[in-house]
């Protein structure tokens, strides 16, 4: 079934769009698009967003590796570097802290009619992407490629079987989710 999707860009875009709508719907239903829930997360008072995102990471991680093991999917890791990750994380965190939305929750909040997410979030994302695209040629060599660690996965870096890493990370995520649920946050 997945081979039928490979190479068909229109179908891939349609599937991605529909899955994005589904994920956005689940974010909205879980409360992750509400400003007060996100601020509660940033203040370490309400861990709804962390629970939703960790559940998504857990499901996606197991699903991707299961599909890969069955030969139905291939990983295409992109090269990474500290010069890209550190500034990117700082910009992401700054935007998240100022606006109170990450890109995913901003899109979900726009879907439920939040004007602050539309004008502050989506508009800010588009402006920021434009600035980055314009500055990219000047930043590529001196900043973004600094501390390059190549296109490797965590299991490759650790020289471990992917399923060992999946099992350890899944157990840690599951334990954290159980702890958060028991603590009532």
N, C-alpha and C. Protein backbone atom coordinates (compact mmCIF):
# COMPACT_ATOMS: atom_id res chain seq x y z
N UNK A 1 0.82 -1.20 0.00
CA UNK A 1 0.00 0.00 0.00
C UNK A 1 0.86 1.26 0.00
N UNK A 2 1.91 1.28 0.86
CA UNK A 2 2.73 2.48 0.95
C UNK A 2 3.54 2.72 -0.32
N UNK A 3 3.87 1.66 -1.05
CA UNK A 3 4.59 1.83 -2.32
C UNK A 3 3.75 2.62 -3.32
N UNK A 4 2.43 2.48 -3.23
CA UNK A 4 1.54 3.22 -4.14
C UNK A 4 1.62 4.72 -3.88
N UNK A 5 1.97 5.09 -2.67
CA UNK A 5 2.06 6.51 -2.30
C UNK A 5 3.42 7.10 -2.71
N UNK A 6 4.45 6.27 -2.63
CA UNK A 6 5.81 6.72 -2.95
C UNK A 6 5.89 7.20 -4.40
N UNK A 7 6.40 8.41 -4.57
CA UNK A 7 6.54 8.95 -5.92
C UNK A 7 5.32 9.69 -6.44
N UNK A 8 4.21 9.65 -5.71
CA UNK A 8 3.00 10.37 -6.14
C UNK A 8 2.84 11.59 -5.24
N UNK A 9 3.44 12.69 -5.66
CA UNK A 9 3.49 13.91 -4.84
C UNK A 9 2.11 14.45 -4.47
N UNK A 10 1.18 14.43 -5.42
CA UNK A 10 -0.16 14.93 -5.13
C UNK A 10 -0.83 14.13 -4.03
N UNK A 11 -0.70 12.82 -4.09
CA UNK A 11 -1.28 11.96 -3.06
C UNK A 11 -0.58 12.17 -1.72
N UNK A 12 0.74 12.33 -1.75
CA UNK A 12 1.49 12.59 -0.52
C UNK A 12 1.03 13.89 0.13
N UNK A 13 0.88 14.94 -0.67
CA UNK A 13 0.43 16.23 -0.14
C UNK A 13 -0.98 16.13 0.43
N UNK A 14 -1.85 15.44 -0.28
CA UNK A 14 -3.23 15.27 0.20
C UNK A 14 -3.26 14.49 1.50
N UNK A 15 -2.49 13.40 1.56
CA UNK A 15 -2.44 12.59 2.77
C UNK A 15 -1.86 13.39 3.93
N UNK A 16 -0.78 14.13 3.67
CA UNK A 16 -0.18 14.98 4.71
C UNK A 16 -1.15 16.03 5.21
N UNK A 17 -1.89 16.63 4.29
CA UNK A 17 -2.88 17.65 4.65
C UNK A 17 -3.97 17.05 5.53
N UNK A 18 -4.49 15.89 5.14
CA UNK A 18 -5.56 15.24 5.91
C UNK A 18 -5.06 14.78 7.28
N UNK A 19 -3.85 14.22 7.33
CA UNK A 19 -3.30 13.81 8.61
C UNK A 19 -3.03 15.02 9.50
N UNK A 20 -2.61 16.13 8.90
CA UNK A 20 -2.40 17.38 9.65
C UNK A 20 -3.70 17.90 10.24
N UNK A 21 -4.77 17.83 9.46
CA UNK A 21 -6.08 18.24 9.98
C UNK A 21 -6.48 17.33 11.14
N UNK A 22 -6.25 16.03 10.98
CA UNK A 22 -6.57 15.09 12.05
C UNK A 22 -5.77 15.37 13.31
N UNK A 23 -4.47 15.62 13.15
CA UNK A 23 -3.63 15.91 14.31
C UNK A 23 -4.05 17.23 14.95
N UNK A 24 -4.35 18.24 14.14
CA UNK A 24 -4.83 19.51 14.66
C UNK A 24 -6.13 19.36 15.43
N UNK A 25 -7.03 18.52 14.90
CA UNK A 25 -8.30 18.25 15.59
C UNK A 25 -8.03 17.63 16.96
N UNK A 26 -7.10 16.67 17.01
CA UNK A 26 -6.78 16.03 18.28
C UNK A 26 -6.10 17.01 19.25
N UNK A 27 -5.24 17.89 18.72
CA UNK A 27 -4.64 18.92 19.57
C UNK A 27 -5.73 19.82 20.17
N UNK A 28 -6.68 20.20 19.32
CA UNK A 28 -7.76 21.08 19.78
C UNK A 28 -8.63 20.37 20.81
N UNK A 29 -8.99 19.13 20.55
CA UNK A 29 -9.83 18.37 21.47
C UNK A 29 -9.12 18.13 22.80
N UNK A 30 -7.79 17.99 22.75
CA UNK A 30 -7.02 17.77 23.97
C UNK A 30 -6.75 19.05 24.74
N UNK A 31 -7.10 20.20 24.17
CA UNK A 31 -6.92 21.48 24.84
C UNK A 31 -5.58 22.13 24.57
N UNK A 32 -4.75 21.54 23.71
CA UNK A 32 -3.41 22.07 23.48
C UNK A 32 -3.39 23.34 22.65
N UNK A 33 -4.52 23.75 22.10
CA UNK A 33 -4.56 25.00 21.33
C UNK A 33 -5.09 26.15 22.16
N UNK A 34 -5.41 25.89 23.42
CA UNK A 34 -5.92 26.95 24.29
C UNK A 34 -4.76 27.68 24.95
N UNK A 35 -4.81 28.99 24.88
CA UNK A 35 -3.73 29.83 25.41
C UNK A 35 -3.46 29.53 26.88
N UNK A 36 -4.52 29.39 27.69
CA UNK A 36 -4.33 29.16 29.12
C UNK A 36 -3.64 27.83 29.40
N UNK A 37 -3.91 26.82 28.59
CA UNK A 37 -3.26 25.52 28.76
C UNK A 37 -1.78 25.63 28.41
N UNK A 38 -1.47 26.35 27.34
CA UNK A 38 -0.07 26.50 26.93
C UNK A 38 0.70 27.33 27.95
N UNK A 39 0.11 28.41 28.44
CA UNK A 39 0.77 29.21 29.48
C UNK A 39 0.95 28.37 30.74
N UNK A 40 -0.04 27.56 31.08
CA UNK A 40 0.09 26.64 32.22
C UNK A 40 1.27 25.70 32.04
N UNK A 41 1.50 25.26 30.81
CA UNK A 41 2.65 24.41 30.52
C UNK A 41 3.95 25.18 30.72
N UNK A 42 4.02 26.39 30.19
CA UNK A 42 5.24 27.19 30.32
C UNK A 42 5.54 27.53 31.78
N UNK A 43 4.50 27.59 32.61
CA UNK A 43 4.68 27.87 34.04
C UNK A 43 4.82 26.59 34.87
N UNK A 44 4.87 25.43 34.20
CA UNK A 44 4.97 24.11 34.85
C UNK A 44 3.81 23.83 35.79
N UNK A 45 2.62 24.31 35.43
CA UNK A 45 1.42 24.08 36.23
C UNK A 45 0.45 23.11 35.57
N UNK A 46 0.49 22.99 34.25
CA UNK A 46 -0.43 22.14 33.49
C UNK A 46 0.37 21.43 32.41
N UNK A 47 0.50 20.11 32.52
CA UNK A 47 1.34 19.35 31.60
C UNK A 47 0.55 18.67 30.48
N UNK A 48 -0.61 19.23 30.15
CA UNK A 48 -1.43 18.68 29.08
C UNK A 48 -0.67 18.62 27.76
N UNK A 49 0.02 19.69 27.41
CA UNK A 49 0.75 19.75 26.13
C UNK A 49 1.86 18.70 26.11
N UNK A 50 2.61 18.57 27.19
CA UNK A 50 3.68 17.57 27.25
C UNK A 50 3.10 16.17 27.10
N UNK A 51 1.98 15.90 27.77
CA UNK A 51 1.36 14.58 27.67
C UNK A 51 0.93 14.27 26.24
N UNK A 52 0.35 15.25 25.57
CA UNK A 52 -0.09 15.05 24.19
C UNK A 52 1.11 14.82 23.28
N UNK A 53 2.12 15.66 23.41
CA UNK A 53 3.28 15.56 22.51
C UNK A 53 4.08 14.29 22.78
N UNK A 54 4.25 13.91 24.03
CA UNK A 54 4.97 12.67 24.32
C UNK A 54 4.19 11.46 23.81
N UNK A 55 2.87 11.50 23.91
CA UNK A 55 2.06 10.41 23.36
C UNK A 55 2.22 10.33 21.85
N UNK A 56 2.28 11.48 21.19
CA UNK A 56 2.48 11.51 19.73
C UNK A 56 3.87 11.00 19.36
N UNK A 57 4.89 11.40 20.11
CA UNK A 57 6.25 10.93 19.85
C UNK A 57 6.33 9.42 20.04
N UNK A 58 5.74 8.92 21.11
CA UNK A 58 5.75 7.49 21.40
C UNK A 58 5.08 6.70 20.27
N UNK A 59 3.90 7.14 19.88
CA UNK A 59 3.15 6.47 18.81
C UNK A 59 3.91 6.53 17.49
N UNK A 60 4.41 7.72 17.15
CA UNK A 60 5.14 7.89 15.90
C UNK A 60 6.43 7.10 15.86
N UNK A 61 7.17 7.10 16.96
CA UNK A 61 8.44 6.39 17.02
C UNK A 61 8.24 4.89 16.81
N UNK A 62 7.29 4.32 17.53
CA UNK A 62 7.03 2.89 17.38
C UNK A 62 6.48 2.59 15.99
N UNK A 63 5.56 3.43 15.51
CA UNK A 63 4.97 3.21 14.19
C UNK A 63 5.98 3.28 13.07
N UNK A 64 6.83 4.30 13.09
CA UNK A 64 7.84 4.46 12.03
C UNK A 64 8.81 3.28 12.03
N UNK A 65 9.26 2.87 13.20
CA UNK A 65 10.22 1.77 13.26
C UNK A 65 9.56 0.43 12.92
N UNK A 66 8.29 0.28 13.24
CA UNK A 66 7.58 -0.94 12.84
C UNK A 66 7.46 -0.98 11.31
N UNK A 67 7.06 0.12 10.70
CA UNK A 67 6.96 0.19 9.24
C UNK A 67 8.33 -0.04 8.59
N UNK A 68 9.35 0.51 9.19
CA UNK A 68 10.71 0.33 8.66
C UNK A 68 11.13 -1.14 8.76
N UNK A 69 10.85 -1.78 9.89
CA UNK A 69 11.20 -3.19 10.07
C UNK A 69 10.48 -4.10 9.08
N UNK A 70 9.27 -3.71 8.72
CA UNK A 70 8.48 -4.49 7.76
C UNK A 70 8.85 -4.17 6.31
N UNK A 71 9.77 -3.24 6.13
CA UNK A 71 10.18 -2.85 4.78
C UNK A 71 9.19 -1.93 4.08
N UNK A 72 8.27 -1.34 4.85
CA UNK A 72 7.25 -0.47 4.27
C UNK A 72 7.63 1.01 4.29
N UNK A 73 8.72 1.32 4.96
CA UNK A 73 9.16 2.72 5.04
C UNK A 73 10.68 2.77 5.14
N UNK A 74 11.24 3.88 4.69
CA UNK A 74 12.68 4.12 4.80
C UNK A 74 12.88 5.45 5.52
N UNK A 75 13.90 5.49 6.35
CA UNK A 75 14.25 6.74 7.01
C UNK A 75 15.13 7.55 6.06
N UNK A 76 14.94 8.85 6.08
CA UNK A 76 15.76 9.76 5.28
C UNK A 76 16.29 10.85 6.20
N UNK A 77 17.23 10.50 7.11
CA UNK A 77 17.73 11.52 8.04
C UNK A 77 18.45 12.63 7.30
N UNK A 78 18.25 13.82 7.77
CA UNK A 78 18.89 15.00 7.19
C UNK A 78 20.12 15.35 8.03
N UNK A 79 21.12 15.97 7.41
CA UNK A 79 22.30 16.36 8.18
C UNK A 79 21.93 17.36 9.27
N UNK A 80 22.60 17.26 10.39
CA UNK A 80 22.36 18.18 11.49
C UNK A 80 23.65 18.83 11.96
N UNK A 81 23.51 19.92 12.67
CA UNK A 81 24.68 20.60 13.22
C UNK A 81 24.25 21.42 14.43
N UNK A 82 25.21 21.63 15.32
CA UNK A 82 24.92 22.46 16.49
C UNK A 82 24.67 23.90 16.07
N UNK A 83 25.30 24.33 14.98
CA UNK A 83 25.11 25.69 14.48
C UNK A 83 23.70 25.95 13.99
N UNK A 84 22.97 24.89 13.64
CA UNK A 84 21.58 25.05 13.23
C UNK A 84 20.63 24.79 14.40
N UNK A 85 20.95 23.79 15.21
CA UNK A 85 20.05 23.38 16.29
C UNK A 85 19.96 24.43 17.40
N UNK A 86 21.09 24.95 17.84
CA UNK A 86 21.09 25.90 18.96
C UNK A 86 20.35 27.19 18.61
N UNK A 87 20.70 27.89 17.51
CA UNK A 87 19.93 29.10 17.19
C UNK A 87 18.47 28.80 16.88
N UNK A 88 18.22 27.68 16.20
CA UNK A 88 16.83 27.31 15.89
C UNK A 88 16.02 27.09 17.15
N UNK A 89 16.62 26.39 18.13
CA UNK A 89 15.94 26.16 19.40
C UNK A 89 15.69 27.45 20.16
N UNK A 90 16.66 28.35 20.13
CA UNK A 90 16.50 29.64 20.81
C UNK A 90 15.40 30.48 20.17
N UNK A 91 15.37 30.50 18.84
CA UNK A 91 14.33 31.26 18.13
C UNK A 91 12.96 30.65 18.41
N UNK A 92 12.88 29.31 18.35
CA UNK A 92 11.62 28.61 18.63
C UNK A 92 11.15 28.93 20.05
N UNK A 93 12.06 28.81 21.03
CA UNK A 93 11.71 29.08 22.42
C UNK A 93 11.29 30.52 22.66
N UNK A 94 11.97 31.45 22.01
CA UNK A 94 11.63 32.86 22.14
C UNK A 94 10.22 33.12 21.60
N UNK A 95 9.95 32.60 20.41
CA UNK A 95 8.62 32.76 19.82
C UNK A 95 7.54 32.10 20.66
N UNK A 96 7.83 30.91 21.17
CA UNK A 96 6.88 30.18 22.00
C UNK A 96 6.60 30.96 23.28
N UNK A 97 7.66 31.47 23.90
CA UNK A 97 7.50 32.22 25.14
C UNK A 97 6.75 33.54 24.97
N UNK A 98 7.02 34.24 23.87
CA UNK A 98 6.37 35.53 23.63
C UNK A 98 4.91 35.34 23.23
N UNK A 99 4.67 34.44 22.29
CA UNK A 99 3.33 34.28 21.74
C UNK A 99 2.46 33.33 22.56
N UNK A 100 3.09 32.31 23.15
CA UNK A 100 2.32 31.30 23.87
C UNK A 100 1.82 30.18 22.97
N UNK A 101 2.34 30.09 21.78
CA UNK A 101 1.99 29.01 20.85
C UNK A 101 3.26 28.52 20.17
N UNK A 102 3.33 27.21 19.90
CA UNK A 102 4.36 26.70 19.00
C UNK A 102 3.71 26.64 17.61
N UNK A 103 4.45 26.35 16.55
CA UNK A 103 3.83 26.35 15.22
C UNK A 103 2.60 25.44 15.10
N UNK A 104 2.67 24.25 15.67
CA UNK A 104 1.53 23.33 15.58
C UNK A 104 0.31 23.81 16.33
N UNK A 105 0.52 24.28 17.56
CA UNK A 105 -0.62 24.76 18.33
C UNK A 105 -1.15 26.08 17.78
N UNK A 106 -0.26 26.88 17.16
CA UNK A 106 -0.72 28.13 16.52
C UNK A 106 -1.66 27.80 15.36
N UNK A 107 -1.29 26.82 14.55
CA UNK A 107 -2.15 26.42 13.43
C UNK A 107 -3.49 25.89 13.94
N UNK A 108 -3.45 25.10 15.01
CA UNK A 108 -4.69 24.59 15.59
C UNK A 108 -5.55 25.71 16.17
N UNK A 109 -4.89 26.68 16.81
CA UNK A 109 -5.63 27.81 17.39
C UNK A 109 -6.26 28.67 16.30
N UNK A 110 -5.56 28.84 15.16
CA UNK A 110 -6.14 29.56 14.03
C UNK A 110 -7.39 28.84 13.57
N UNK A 111 -7.32 27.52 13.53
CA UNK A 111 -8.47 26.71 13.11
C UNK A 111 -9.68 26.88 14.00
N UNK A 112 -9.46 27.23 15.26
CA UNK A 112 -10.60 27.45 16.16
C UNK A 112 -10.94 28.93 16.28
N UNK A 113 -10.28 29.78 15.47
CA UNK A 113 -10.67 31.18 15.39
C UNK A 113 -9.88 32.14 16.25
N UNK A 114 -8.74 31.74 16.78
CA UNK A 114 -7.93 32.63 17.62
C UNK A 114 -7.15 33.62 16.76
N UNK A 115 -7.53 34.89 16.85
CA UNK A 115 -6.88 35.91 16.02
C UNK A 115 -5.43 36.17 16.43
N UNK A 116 -5.12 36.01 17.73
CA UNK A 116 -3.73 36.21 18.16
C UNK A 116 -2.82 35.18 17.51
N UNK A 117 -3.31 33.97 17.36
CA UNK A 117 -2.51 32.93 16.71
C UNK A 117 -2.36 33.21 15.22
N UNK A 118 -3.38 33.78 14.61
CA UNK A 118 -3.32 34.09 13.18
C UNK A 118 -2.33 35.22 12.91
N UNK A 119 -2.51 36.35 13.60
CA UNK A 119 -1.69 37.52 13.31
C UNK A 119 -0.32 37.46 13.98
N UNK A 120 -0.25 36.96 15.20
CA UNK A 120 1.04 36.84 15.87
C UNK A 120 1.78 35.59 15.47
N UNK A 121 1.06 34.49 15.38
CA UNK A 121 1.69 33.20 15.11
C UNK A 121 1.98 32.93 13.65
N UNK A 122 0.94 32.79 12.86
CA UNK A 122 1.13 32.42 11.45
C UNK A 122 1.86 33.54 10.70
N UNK A 123 1.47 34.77 10.94
CA UNK A 123 2.15 35.89 10.29
C UNK A 123 3.62 35.95 10.72
N UNK A 124 3.86 35.75 12.01
CA UNK A 124 5.24 35.74 12.51
C UNK A 124 6.06 34.60 11.93
N UNK A 125 5.45 33.43 11.79
CA UNK A 125 6.13 32.29 11.18
C UNK A 125 6.50 32.61 9.73
N UNK A 126 5.57 33.19 8.99
CA UNK A 126 5.84 33.52 7.58
C UNK A 126 6.92 34.59 7.45
N UNK A 127 6.87 35.61 8.29
CA UNK A 127 7.89 36.66 8.25
C UNK A 127 9.25 36.08 8.64
N UNK A 128 9.27 35.29 9.71
CA UNK A 128 10.52 34.65 10.14
C UNK A 128 11.10 33.73 9.08
N UNK A 129 10.24 32.96 8.42
CA UNK A 129 10.71 32.07 7.34
C UNK A 129 11.28 32.89 6.19
N UNK A 130 10.66 34.01 5.88
CA UNK A 130 11.17 34.87 4.82
C UNK A 130 12.52 35.46 5.16
N UNK A 131 12.67 35.92 6.40
CA UNK A 131 13.95 36.47 6.85
C UNK A 131 15.03 35.39 6.80
N UNK A 132 14.68 34.19 7.28
CA UNK A 132 15.65 33.09 7.26
C UNK A 132 16.06 32.74 5.83
N UNK A 133 15.08 32.67 4.93
CA UNK A 133 15.39 32.35 3.53
C UNK A 133 16.32 33.39 2.92
N UNK A 134 16.09 34.65 3.24
CA UNK A 134 16.94 35.72 2.71
C UNK A 134 18.34 35.66 3.31
N UNK A 135 18.44 35.32 4.60
CA UNK A 135 19.73 35.30 5.29
C UNK A 135 20.48 33.98 5.12
N UNK A 136 19.81 32.95 4.63
CA UNK A 136 20.40 31.61 4.56
C UNK A 136 21.76 31.57 3.85
N UNK A 137 21.90 32.17 2.68
CA UNK A 137 23.22 32.10 2.01
C UNK A 137 24.36 32.65 2.87
N UNK A 138 24.09 33.72 3.60
CA UNK A 138 25.13 34.32 4.45
C UNK A 138 25.38 33.50 5.71
N UNK A 139 24.37 32.77 6.19
CA UNK A 139 24.48 31.99 7.43
C UNK A 139 24.97 30.57 7.22
N UNK A 140 24.80 30.03 6.02
CA UNK A 140 25.03 28.60 5.79
C UNK A 140 26.40 28.13 6.25
N UNK A 141 27.46 28.65 5.69
CA UNK A 141 28.81 28.16 6.03
C UNK A 141 29.27 28.60 7.43
N UNK A 142 29.21 29.91 7.76
CA UNK A 142 29.80 30.32 9.04
C UNK A 142 28.99 29.91 10.27
N UNK A 143 27.69 29.70 10.15
CA UNK A 143 26.87 29.42 11.33
C UNK A 143 26.20 28.05 11.25
N UNK A 144 25.40 27.82 10.24
CA UNK A 144 24.53 26.65 10.19
C UNK A 144 25.28 25.33 10.05
N UNK A 145 26.46 25.34 9.45
CA UNK A 145 27.22 24.10 9.28
C UNK A 145 28.24 23.88 10.39
N UNK A 146 28.26 24.76 11.36
CA UNK A 146 29.20 24.66 12.48
C UNK A 146 28.80 23.48 13.38
N UNK A 147 29.74 22.65 13.76
CA UNK A 147 29.44 21.50 14.61
C UNK A 147 28.63 20.44 13.89
N UNK A 148 28.91 20.24 12.61
CA UNK A 148 28.16 19.29 11.78
C UNK A 148 28.35 17.87 12.30
N UNK A 149 27.24 17.14 12.48
CA UNK A 149 27.35 15.74 12.88
C UNK A 149 26.73 14.80 11.85
N UNK A 150 26.49 15.31 10.65
CA UNK A 150 26.07 14.45 9.55
C UNK A 150 24.63 14.00 9.62
N UNK A 151 24.29 13.15 8.68
CA UNK A 151 22.92 12.62 8.58
C UNK A 151 22.87 11.26 9.26
N UNK A 152 22.90 11.28 10.58
CA UNK A 152 22.90 10.02 11.35
C UNK A 152 21.74 10.02 12.32
N UNK A 153 21.27 8.84 12.61
CA UNK A 153 20.19 8.67 13.59
C UNK A 153 20.82 8.43 14.97
N UNK A 154 20.02 8.55 16.01
CA UNK A 154 20.52 8.30 17.37
C UNK A 154 21.03 6.87 17.50
N UNK A 155 20.30 5.84 17.02
CA UNK A 155 20.86 4.48 17.10
C UNK A 155 22.21 4.35 16.37
N UNK A 156 22.38 5.03 15.25
CA UNK A 156 23.67 4.98 14.54
C UNK A 156 24.77 5.64 15.36
N UNK A 157 24.46 6.76 15.98
CA UNK A 157 25.45 7.46 16.81
C UNK A 157 25.84 6.59 18.00
N UNK A 158 24.85 5.92 18.62
CA UNK A 158 25.11 5.07 19.78
C UNK A 158 25.60 3.68 19.41
N UNK A 159 25.59 3.36 18.11
CA UNK A 159 25.97 2.04 17.61
C UNK A 159 25.13 0.94 18.26
N UNK A 160 23.81 1.18 18.29
CA UNK A 160 22.87 0.22 18.87
C UNK A 160 21.79 -0.11 17.85
N UNK A 161 21.17 -1.26 18.03
CA UNK A 161 20.02 -1.63 17.22
C UNK A 161 18.92 -0.60 17.48
N UNK A 162 18.23 -0.20 16.42
CA UNK A 162 17.19 0.83 16.55
C UNK A 162 16.13 0.42 17.57
N UNK A 163 15.77 -0.86 17.61
CA UNK A 163 14.73 -1.30 18.53
C UNK A 163 15.16 -1.20 19.99
N UNK A 164 16.46 -1.31 20.26
CA UNK A 164 16.95 -1.12 21.64
C UNK A 164 16.70 0.32 22.06
N UNK A 165 17.05 1.26 21.19
CA UNK A 165 16.84 2.68 21.49
C UNK A 165 15.34 2.96 21.61
N UNK A 166 14.54 2.42 20.70
CA UNK A 166 13.08 2.62 20.76
C UNK A 166 12.54 2.09 22.08
N UNK A 167 12.98 0.90 22.50
CA UNK A 167 12.48 0.31 23.75
C UNK A 167 12.85 1.16 24.96
N UNK A 168 14.09 1.64 25.01
CA UNK A 168 14.53 2.45 26.15
C UNK A 168 13.79 3.79 26.18
N UNK A 169 13.71 4.46 25.03
CA UNK A 169 13.02 5.75 24.97
C UNK A 169 11.53 5.57 25.25
N UNK A 170 10.92 4.52 24.70
CA UNK A 170 9.50 4.26 24.94
C UNK A 170 9.24 4.01 26.42
N UNK A 171 10.11 3.24 27.07
CA UNK A 171 9.94 2.98 28.51
C UNK A 171 10.07 4.27 29.31
N UNK A 172 11.03 5.12 28.94
CA UNK A 172 11.22 6.40 29.64
C UNK A 172 10.00 7.30 29.45
N UNK A 173 9.51 7.39 28.22
CA UNK A 173 8.33 8.22 27.94
C UNK A 173 7.12 7.69 28.70
N UNK A 174 6.93 6.38 28.65
CA UNK A 174 5.79 5.77 29.35
C UNK A 174 5.87 6.03 30.85
N UNK A 175 7.07 5.88 31.43
CA UNK A 175 7.24 6.14 32.87
C UNK A 175 6.95 7.60 33.20
N UNK A 176 7.42 8.52 32.36
CA UNK A 176 7.16 9.94 32.58
C UNK A 176 5.67 10.25 32.47
N UNK A 177 5.00 9.67 31.47
CA UNK A 177 3.56 9.88 31.33
C UNK A 177 2.80 9.36 32.54
N UNK A 178 3.20 8.19 33.04
CA UNK A 178 2.55 7.63 34.25
C UNK A 178 2.78 8.54 35.45
N UNK A 179 4.01 9.04 35.60
CA UNK A 179 4.33 9.94 36.70
C UNK A 179 3.49 11.21 36.62
N UNK A 180 3.42 11.81 35.43
CA UNK A 180 2.65 13.04 35.26
C UNK A 180 1.17 12.81 35.55
N UNK A 181 0.66 11.67 35.12
CA UNK A 181 -0.75 11.36 35.34
C UNK A 181 -1.03 11.15 36.83
N UNK A 182 -0.13 10.43 37.52
CA UNK A 182 -0.31 10.18 38.95
C UNK A 182 -0.20 11.45 39.77
N UNK A 183 0.70 12.36 39.34
CA UNK A 183 0.90 13.59 40.10
C UNK A 183 -0.22 14.59 39.87
N UNK A 184 -1.07 14.34 38.87
CA UNK A 184 -2.23 15.19 38.64
C UNK A 184 -1.93 16.52 37.97
N UNK A 185 -0.79 16.63 37.32
CA UNK A 185 -0.47 17.89 36.63
C UNK A 185 -0.73 17.79 35.15
